[in-house]
Amino acid sequence: MFSSNAAIEPGVFGAFHSVLLLPEGLAGALTPPQFDAIIDHELHHVRYRDNLTAALHMCVETVFWFHPLVWWIGAYAIIFGVALLIAAFKLRAKFQQSPLGKLT
């Protein structure tokens, strides 16, 4: 994890050796649950190798530029990825509100 004083948003960079880059002062500007949610979100990208998948898809798009199936897969991957993230965060929020979630 690195920080930068540039005007950036949090993000994961690198396909094989991922690096989490955060803007300086982000931790101080957010509440701990907000900051944890951002870190969890970015680690989700690392865990599922989203950058590597996107890079491979770009290579396939380059070779098969006019094939509609390639474009459909790209759009489906984005929609499916967003849906998974939303479901994961809803599940986490629901668990944290339960009595068992507060014990951990």
C-alpha atoms as a PDB file:
ATOM      1  CA  MET A   1       0.000   0.000   0.000  1.00  0.00           C
ATOM      2  CA  PHE A   2       1.368   3.380  -1.037  1.00  0.00           C
ATOM      3  CA  SER A   3       0.111   6.932  -0.730  1.00  0.00           C
ATOM      4  CA  SER A   4       0.437   9.805  -3.168  1.00  0.00           C
ATOM      5  CA  ASN A   5      -0.014  13.555  -2.863  1.00  0.00           C
ATOM      6  CA  ALA A   6      -1.403  13.686  -6.426  1.00  0.00           C
ATOM      7  CA  ALA A   7      -5.107  14.284  -6.970  1.00  0.00           C
ATOM      8  CA  ILE A   8      -6.067  10.637  -7.465  1.00  0.00           C
ATOM      9  CA  GLU A   9      -8.751   8.276  -6.301  1.00  0.00           C
ATOM     10  CA  PRO A  10      -7.939   5.017  -4.489  1.00  0.00           C
ATOM     11  CA  GLY A  11      -7.020   2.265  -6.886  1.00  0.00           C
ATOM     12  CA  VAL A  12      -5.153  -0.957  -7.515  1.00  0.00           C
ATOM     13  CA  PHE A  13      -2.403  -0.871 -10.115  1.00  0.00           C
ATOM     14  CA  GLY A  14      -0.584  -3.771 -11.699  1.00  0.00           C
ATOM     15  CA  ALA A  15      -1.743  -7.049 -13.189  1.00  0.00           C
ATOM     16  CA  PHE A  16       0.697  -9.493 -11.587  1.00  0.00           C
ATOM     17  CA  HIS A  17       2.058  -7.585  -8.569  1.00  0.00           C
ATOM     18  CA  SER A  18      -0.791  -5.367  -7.459  1.00  0.00           C
ATOM     19  CA  VAL A  19      -0.181  -2.159  -5.546  1.00  0.00           C
ATOM     20  CA  LEU A  20      -2.864  -0.239  -3.687  1.00  0.00           C
ATOM     21  CA  LEU A  21      -2.418   3.507  -4.154  1.00  0.00           C
ATOM     22  CA  LEU A  22      -4.286   5.880  -1.844  1.00  0.00           C
ATOM     23  CA  PRO A  23      -4.330   9.676  -1.792  1.00  0.00           C
ATOM     24  CA  GLU A  24      -2.540  11.201   1.189  1.00  0.00           C
ATOM     25  CA  GLY A  25      -4.850  12.201   4.015  1.00  0.00           C
ATOM     26  CA  LEU A  26      -7.644   9.860   2.952  1.00  0.00           C
ATOM     27  CA  ALA A  27      -7.615   7.944   6.238  1.00  0.00           C
ATOM     28  CA  GLY A  28      -7.966  11.174   8.202  1.00  0.00           C
ATOM     29  CA  ALA A  29     -10.811  12.472   6.030  1.00  0.00           C
ATOM     30  CA  LEU A  30     -13.014   9.399   6.437  1.00  0.00           C
ATOM     31  CA  THR A  31     -14.522   7.538   9.324  1.00  0.00           C
ATOM     32  CA  PRO A  32     -12.945   4.132  10.083  1.00  0.00           C
ATOM     33  CA  PRO A  33     -15.895   2.186   8.589  1.00  0.00           C
ATOM     34  CA  GLN A  34     -15.723   4.273   5.397  1.00  0.00           C
ATOM     35  CA  PHE A  35     -11.981   3.740   5.110  1.00  0.00           C
ATOM     36  CA  ASP A  36     -12.387  -0.001   5.746  1.00  0.00           C
ATOM     37  CA  ALA A  37     -15.033  -0.175   3.016  1.00  0.00           C
ATOM     38  CA  ILE A  38     -12.639   1.421   0.523  1.00  0.00           C
ATOM     39  CA  ILE A  39      -9.824  -0.949   1.481  1.00  0.00           C
ATOM     40  CA  ASP A  40     -12.184  -3.948   1.256  1.00  0.00           C
ATOM     41  CA  HIS A  41     -13.376  -2.802  -2.151  1.00  0.00           C
ATOM     42  CA  GLU A  42      -9.847  -2.464  -3.524  1.00  0.00           C
ATOM     43  CA  LEU A  43      -8.740  -5.775  -1.991  1.00  0.00           C
ATOM     44  CA  HIS A  44     -11.713  -7.390  -3.716  1.00  0.00           C
ATOM     45  CA  HIS A  45     -10.175  -6.290  -7.031  1.00  0.00           C
ATOM     46  CA  VAL A  46      -6.845  -7.834  -6.006  1.00  0.00           C
ATOM     47  CA  ARG A  47      -8.429 -11.069  -4.765  1.00  0.00           C
ATOM     48  CA  TYR A  48     -10.326 -11.644  -8.005  1.00  0.00           C
ATOM     49  CA  ARG A  49      -7.458 -10.440 -10.234  1.00  0.00           C
ATOM     50  CA  ASP A  50      -9.632  -7.862 -11.947  1.00  0.00           C
ATOM     51  CA  ASN A  51      -6.659  -5.995 -13.449  1.00  0.00           C
ATOM     52  CA  LEU A  52      -5.247  -9.165 -15.006  1.00  0.00           C
ATOM     53  CA  THR A  53      -8.669 -10.124 -16.365  1.00  0.00           C
ATOM     54  CA  ALA A  54      -9.126  -6.658 -17.846  1.00  0.00           C
ATOM     55  CA  ALA A  55      -5.663  -6.756 -19.452  1.00  0.00           C
ATOM     56  CA  LEU A  56      -6.350 -10.164 -20.993  1.00  0.00           C
ATOM     57  CA  HIS A  57      -9.715  -8.993 -22.267  1.00  0.00           C
ATOM     58  CA  MET A  58      -8.063  -5.951 -23.898  1.00  0.00           C
ATOM     59  CA  CYS A  59      -5.654  -8.284 -25.700  1.00  0.00           C
ATOM     60  CA  VAL A  60      -8.574 -10.375 -26.974  1.00  0.00           C
ATOM     61  CA  GLU A  61     -10.408  -7.195 -28.030  1.00  0.00           C
ATOM     62  CA  THR A  62      -7.343  -6.123 -29.997  1.00  0.00           C
ATOM     63  CA  VAL A  63      -7.212  -9.384 -31.959  1.00  0.00           C
ATOM     64  CA  PHE A  64     -10.981  -9.833 -32.424  1.00  0.00           C
ATOM     65  CA  TRP A  65     -11.981  -6.167 -32.647  1.00  0.00           C
ATOM     66  CA  PHE A  66     -15.137  -6.634 -34.738  1.00  0.00           C
ATOM     67  CA  HIS A  67     -16.465  -9.785 -33.120  1.00  0.00           C
ATOM     68  CA  PRO A  68     -19.703  -8.955 -31.227  1.00  0.00           C
ATOM     69  CA  LEU A  69     -19.210 -11.783 -28.726  1.00  0.00           C
ATOM     70  CA  VAL A  70     -16.018 -10.151 -27.456  1.00  0.00           C
ATOM     71  CA  TRP A  71     -17.873  -6.887 -26.802  1.00  0.00           C
ATOM     72  CA  TRP A  72     -20.764  -8.734 -25.144  1.00  0.00           C
ATOM     73  CA  ILE A  73     -18.346 -10.562 -22.816  1.00  0.00           C
ATOM     74  CA  GLY A  74     -16.688  -7.269 -21.875  1.00  0.00           C
ATOM     75  CA  ALA A  75     -20.005  -5.610 -21.055  1.00  0.00           C
ATOM     76  CA  TYR A  76     -21.220  -8.688 -19.164  1.00  0.00           C
ATOM     77  CA  ALA A  77     -17.992  -8.837 -17.126  1.00  0.00           C
ATOM     78  CA  ILE A  78     -18.424  -5.228 -16.018  1.00  0.00           C
ATOM     79  CA  ILE A  79     -22.094  -5.682 -15.079  1.00  0.00           C
ATOM     80  CA  PHE A  80     -21.432  -8.988 -13.314  1.00  0.00           C
ATOM     81  CA  GLY A  81     -18.438  -7.559 -11.426  1.00  0.00           C
ATOM     82  CA  VAL A  82     -20.431  -4.572 -10.170  1.00  0.00           C
ATOM     83  CA  ALA A  83     -23.308  -6.821  -9.114  1.00  0.00           C
ATOM     84  CA  LEU A  84     -20.907  -9.044  -7.154  1.00  0.00           C
ATOM     85  CA  LEU A  85     -19.381  -6.055  -5.372  1.00  0.00           C
ATOM     86  CA  ILE A  86     -22.783  -4.683  -4.424  1.00  0.00           C
ATOM     87  CA  ALA A  87     -23.920  -8.069  -3.112  1.00  0.00           C
ATOM     88  CA  ALA A  88     -20.712  -8.520  -1.110  1.00  0.00           C
ATOM     89  CA  PHE A  89     -21.043  -5.123   0.574  1.00  0.00           C
ATOM     90  CA  LYS A  90     -24.735  -5.642   1.326  1.00  0.00           C
ATOM     91  CA  LEU A  91     -23.926  -8.990   2.916  1.00  0.00           C
ATOM     92  CA  ARG A  92     -21.119  -7.455   4.961  1.00  0.00           C
ATOM     93  CA  ALA A  93     -23.368  -4.616   6.148  1.00  0.00           C
ATOM     94  CA  LYS A  94     -26.108  -7.072   7.094  1.00  0.00           C
ATOM     95  CA  PHE A  95     -23.633  -9.241   9.014  1.00  0.00           C
ATOM     96  CA  GLN A  96     -22.223  -6.255  10.901  1.00  0.00           C
ATOM     97  CA  GLN A  97     -25.719  -5.263  12.015  1.00  0.00           C
ATOM     98  CA  SER A  98     -26.433  -8.695  13.440  1.00  0.00           C
ATOM     99  CA  PRO A  99     -25.592  -9.502  17.082  1.00  0.00           C
ATOM    100  CA  LEU A 100     -23.052 -12.121  15.972  1.00  0.00           C
ATOM    101  CA  GLY A 101     -21.287  -9.660  13.686  1.00  0.00           C
ATOM    102  CA  LYS A 102     -20.760  -7.242  16.561  1.00  0.00           C
ATOM    103  CA  LEU A 103     -18.963  -9.863  18.614  1.00  0.00           C
ATOM    104  CA  THR A 104     -16.104 -10.161  16.117  1.00  0.00           C
END
